[in-house]
Amino acid sequence: MGVMSIREFNANVSAAFAKVEAGETLKITRNGQVIAEVRPERKNRMDDPEFRAKWEKFAEGLKEGVPGLTAPATYEERTGR
């Protein structure tokens, strides 16, 4: 994670965005105080076919119930309250 003053950021916008594009997060400061953070855009994991397949398998497993859970799970179920 890099730190850059606002003056340095203004003078080197292209270089700053090149760092962000490479995956680095930059903290922008004014008078030593962080005022902003510039970071790469997050990718939506559901767009990844491998992740989506694993997620759907996991979700289907939850519909069948939690393996090994043979007793009531909630406080109300356990205590009858």
C-alpha atoms as a PDB file:
ATOM      1  CA  MET A   1       0.000   0.000   0.000  1.00  0.00           C
ATOM      2  CA  GLY A   2       1.457   3.309  -1.045  1.00  0.00           C
ATOM      3  CA  VAL A   3       1.032   6.757   0.465  1.00  0.00           C
ATOM      4  CA  MET A   4       1.068   9.879  -1.672  1.00  0.00           C
ATOM      5  CA  SER A   5       0.409  13.513  -0.811  1.00  0.00           C
ATOM      6  CA  ILE A   6      -2.334  15.256  -2.740  1.00  0.00           C
ATOM      7  CA  ARG A   7       0.254  17.551  -4.316  1.00  0.00           C
ATOM      8  CA  GLU A   8       2.323  14.552  -5.468  1.00  0.00           C
ATOM      9  CA  PHE A   9      -0.843  12.837  -6.697  1.00  0.00           C
ATOM     10  CA  ASN A  10      -1.865  15.886  -8.749  1.00  0.00           C
ATOM     11  CA  ALA A  11       1.593  16.135 -10.283  1.00  0.00           C
ATOM     12  CA  ASN A  12       1.774  12.416 -11.122  1.00  0.00           C
ATOM     13  CA  VAL A  13      -1.787  11.287 -11.810  1.00  0.00           C
ATOM     14  CA  SER A  14      -0.741   8.918 -14.610  1.00  0.00           C
ATOM     15  CA  ALA A  15       1.929   7.258 -12.482  1.00  0.00           C
ATOM     16  CA  ALA A  16      -0.499   6.924  -9.568  1.00  0.00           C
ATOM     17  CA  PHE A  17      -3.112   5.235 -11.722  1.00  0.00           C
ATOM     18  CA  ALA A  18      -0.455   2.969 -13.233  1.00  0.00           C
ATOM     19  CA  LYS A  19       0.300   1.737  -9.696  1.00  0.00           C
ATOM     20  CA  VAL A  20      -3.402   1.196  -9.019  1.00  0.00           C
ATOM     21  CA  GLU A  21      -3.790  -0.629 -12.307  1.00  0.00           C
ATOM     22  CA  ALA A  22      -0.932  -2.909 -11.224  1.00  0.00           C
ATOM     23  CA  GLY A  23      -2.929  -3.808  -8.103  1.00  0.00           C
ATOM     24  CA  GLU A  24      -1.584  -1.370  -5.523  1.00  0.00           C
ATOM     25  CA  THR A  25      -3.807   0.643  -3.175  1.00  0.00           C
ATOM     26  CA  LEU A  26      -2.794   4.276  -2.682  1.00  0.00           C
ATOM     27  CA  LYS A  27      -3.623   6.436   0.312  1.00  0.00           C
ATOM     28  CA  ILE A  28      -3.815  10.126  -0.554  1.00  0.00           C
ATOM     29  CA  THR A  29      -2.894  12.547   2.232  1.00  0.00           C
ATOM     30  CA  ARG A  30      -3.348  16.259   2.924  1.00  0.00           C
ATOM     31  CA  ASN A  31      -1.253  17.729   5.732  1.00  0.00           C
ATOM     32  CA  GLY A  32      -0.306  14.215   6.817  1.00  0.00           C
ATOM     33  CA  GLN A  33      -3.918  13.039   7.188  1.00  0.00           C
ATOM     34  CA  VAL A  34      -5.362  10.377   4.887  1.00  0.00           C
ATOM     35  CA  ILE A  35      -8.242  11.905   2.922  1.00  0.00           C
ATOM     36  CA  ALA A  36      -8.801   9.268   0.242  1.00  0.00           C
ATOM     37  CA  GLU A  37      -7.924   5.800  -0.861  1.00  0.00           C
ATOM     38  CA  VAL A  38      -7.557   4.798  -4.503  1.00  0.00           C
ATOM     39  CA  ARG A  39      -7.751   1.074  -5.110  1.00  0.00           C
ATOM     40  CA  PRO A  40      -8.243  -1.330  -8.003  1.00  0.00           C
ATOM     41  CA  GLU A  41     -11.818  -2.268  -8.790  1.00  0.00           C
ATOM     42  CA  ARG A  42     -12.980  -5.462  -7.133  1.00  0.00           C
ATOM     43  CA  LYS A  43     -13.852  -8.273  -9.457  1.00  0.00           C
ATOM     44  CA  ASN A  44     -17.209  -9.980  -8.986  1.00  0.00           C
ATOM     45  CA  ARG A  45     -16.348 -13.533  -7.937  1.00  0.00           C
ATOM     46  CA  MET A  46     -19.639 -14.832  -9.310  1.00  0.00           C
ATOM     47  CA  ASP A  47     -18.344 -14.031 -12.819  1.00  0.00           C
ATOM     48  CA  ASP A  48     -15.673 -16.718 -12.334  1.00  0.00           C
ATOM     49  CA  PRO A  49     -17.188 -20.011 -13.604  1.00  0.00           C
ATOM     50  CA  GLU A  50     -15.082 -22.156 -11.256  1.00  0.00           C
ATOM     51  CA  PHE A  51     -16.085 -20.145  -8.172  1.00  0.00           C
ATOM     52  CA  ARG A  52     -19.742 -20.084  -9.252  1.00  0.00           C
ATOM     53  CA  ALA A  53     -19.817 -23.885  -9.660  1.00  0.00           C
ATOM     54  CA  LYS A  54     -18.336 -24.380  -6.177  1.00  0.00           C
ATOM     55  CA  TRP A  55     -20.766 -21.864  -4.687  1.00  0.00           C
ATOM     56  CA  GLU A  56     -23.773 -23.565  -6.265  1.00  0.00           C
ATOM     57  CA  LYS A  57     -22.594 -26.958  -4.996  1.00  0.00           C
ATOM     58  CA  PHE A  58     -22.217 -25.475  -1.508  1.00  0.00           C
ATOM     59  CA  ALA A  59     -25.698 -23.884  -1.671  1.00  0.00           C
ATOM     60  CA  GLU A  60     -27.247 -27.203  -2.750  1.00  0.00           C
ATOM     61  CA  GLY A  61     -25.545 -28.910   0.187  1.00  0.00           C
ATOM     62  CA  LEU A  62     -27.095 -26.408   2.587  1.00  0.00           C
ATOM     63  CA  LYS A  63     -30.555 -27.285   1.289  1.00  0.00           C
ATOM     64  CA  GLU A  64     -29.904 -30.890   2.345  1.00  0.00           C
ATOM     65  CA  GLY A  65     -28.904 -29.777   5.835  1.00  0.00           C
ATOM     66  CA  VAL A  66     -25.702 -29.515   7.798  1.00  0.00           C
ATOM     67  CA  PRO A  67     -23.878 -32.857   8.017  1.00  0.00           C
ATOM     68  CA  GLY A  68     -23.607 -34.180  11.562  1.00  0.00           C
ATOM     69  CA  LEU A  69     -26.298 -31.892  12.942  1.00  0.00           C
ATOM     70  CA  THR A  70     -28.712 -34.292  14.640  1.00  0.00           C
ATOM     71  CA  ALA A  71     -30.058 -32.100  17.450  1.00  0.00           C
ATOM     72  CA  PRO A  72     -32.006 -28.831  17.410  1.00  0.00           C
ATOM     73  CA  ALA A  73     -29.784 -25.947  16.388  1.00  0.00           C
ATOM     74  CA  THR A  74     -31.368 -22.741  17.688  1.00  0.00           C
ATOM     75  CA  TYR A  75     -31.616 -21.591  21.274  1.00  0.00           C
ATOM     76  CA  GLU A  76     -35.399 -21.743  21.074  1.00  0.00           C
ATOM     77  CA  GLU A  77     -35.316 -25.313  19.746  1.00  0.00           C
ATOM     78  CA  ARG A  78     -32.895 -26.425  22.454  1.00  0.00           C
ATOM     79  CA  THR A  79     -34.722 -24.795  25.367  1.00  0.00           C
ATOM     80  CA  GLY A  80     -38.333 -24.922  24.187  1.00  0.00           C
ATOM     81  CA  ARG A  81     -38.748 -21.187  24.863  1.00  0.00           C
END
